[in-house]
Amino acid sequence: MSTEQRVVKVVQGLLARQKRSADAMNAKTLLYAGGLGFDSLAAAELSTLLEMEFGKDPYSDGKVPQTIGDIVGYYDASPADKK
């Protein structure tokens, strides 16, 4: 499974828990306003879920990804850290 597929799966799981539609997503999908509409609580939950899936997350490194692609890029930039 590619990094993008893994990230999308995590985001879809978060949306499902929030009982929100998990429509088609791609690298350009916005996480916040104008996109998935995540708020700070959703961002915190996403951070935790990404940490569980990959062993680290961009938020803990002080980065605030704006798109699915930003998250994928974060993990692709450090392949040695992937599970």
Protein backbone atom coordinates (compact mmCIF):
# COMPACT_ATOMS: atom_id res chain seq x y z
CA MET A 1 0.00 0.00 0.00
CA SER A 2 1.40 3.41 -0.95
CA THR A 3 1.89 6.24 1.52
CA GLU A 4 -0.98 8.15 -0.07
CA GLN A 5 -3.30 5.16 0.25
CA ARG A 6 -2.36 4.74 3.90
CA VAL A 7 -2.93 8.44 4.64
CA VAL A 8 -6.31 8.41 2.84
CA LYS A 9 -7.30 5.30 4.82
CA VAL A 10 -6.48 7.09 8.10
CA VAL A 11 -8.47 10.18 7.05
CA GLN A 12 -11.40 8.05 5.89
CA GLY A 13 -11.41 6.29 9.26
CA LEU A 14 -11.49 9.63 11.06
CA LEU A 15 -14.38 10.83 8.89
CA ALA A 16 -16.27 7.58 9.48
CA ARG A 17 -15.91 7.97 13.27
CA GLN A 18 -17.33 11.48 12.91
CA LYS A 19 -20.19 10.00 10.87
CA ARG A 20 -19.19 12.16 7.91
CA SER A 21 -18.99 11.20 4.27
CA ALA A 22 -15.60 9.98 3.08
CA ASP A 23 -15.88 10.97 -0.58
CA ALA A 24 -13.03 10.52 -3.01
CA MET A 25 -9.87 12.18 -1.79
CA ASN A 26 -6.56 12.88 -3.47
CA ALA A 27 -3.35 14.76 -2.80
CA LYS A 28 -5.04 18.13 -3.40
CA THR A 29 -7.87 17.56 -0.91
CA LEU A 30 -7.87 20.37 1.65
CA LEU A 31 -8.05 19.31 5.29
CA TYR A 32 -9.63 22.46 6.75
CA ALA A 33 -11.99 25.16 5.46
CA GLY A 34 -13.00 24.71 1.86
CA GLY A 35 -12.22 21.01 2.05
CA LEU A 36 -12.88 18.38 4.69
CA GLY A 37 -13.69 21.06 7.26
CA PHE A 38 -11.45 19.73 10.04
CA ASP A 39 -11.29 21.82 13.20
CA SER A 40 -8.62 21.75 15.91
CA LEU A 41 -10.16 18.69 17.58
CA ALA A 42 -10.17 16.76 14.28
CA ALA A 43 -6.57 17.85 13.67
CA ALA A 44 -5.57 16.52 17.10
CA GLU A 45 -7.30 13.23 16.41
CA LEU A 46 -5.68 13.04 12.97
CA SER A 47 -2.30 13.63 14.60
CA THR A 48 -2.88 10.70 16.95
CA LEU A 49 -4.09 8.39 14.18
CA LEU A 50 -1.11 9.24 11.97
CA GLU A 51 1.23 8.59 14.89
CA MET A 52 -0.37 5.18 15.37
CA GLU A 53 -0.11 4.33 11.65
CA PHE A 54 3.37 5.71 10.88
CA GLY A 55 5.14 6.06 14.24
CA LYS A 56 5.31 9.86 13.99
CA ASP A 57 3.20 12.71 12.69
CA PRO A 58 3.75 16.12 11.10
CA TYR A 59 1.89 18.02 13.84
CA SER A 60 4.32 16.83 16.53
CA ASP A 61 7.16 18.07 14.33
CA GLY A 62 5.59 21.54 14.26
CA LYS A 63 4.15 21.24 10.77
CA VAL A 64 0.50 21.93 9.99
CA PRO A 65 -0.34 20.16 6.74
CA GLN A 66 -3.04 21.81 4.64
CA THR A 67 -3.72 18.97 2.21
CA ILE A 68 -3.56 15.19 1.99
CA GLY A 69 -0.52 15.73 -0.25
CA ASP A 70 1.26 17.69 2.49
CA ILE A 71 0.91 14.70 4.81
CA VAL A 72 2.09 12.28 2.12
CA GLY A 73 5.06 14.54 1.37
CA TYR A 74 6.00 14.59 5.05
CA TYR A 75 6.22 10.80 5.19
CA ASP A 76 7.82 10.42 1.76
CA ALA A 77 10.57 12.84 2.82
CA SER A 78 11.61 10.47 5.62
CA PRO A 79 11.11 6.92 4.27
CA ALA A 80 13.34 5.36 6.92
CA ASP A 81 10.70 6.21 9.51
CA LYS A 82 7.85 4.40 7.77
CA LYS A 83 6.52 1.15 9.22
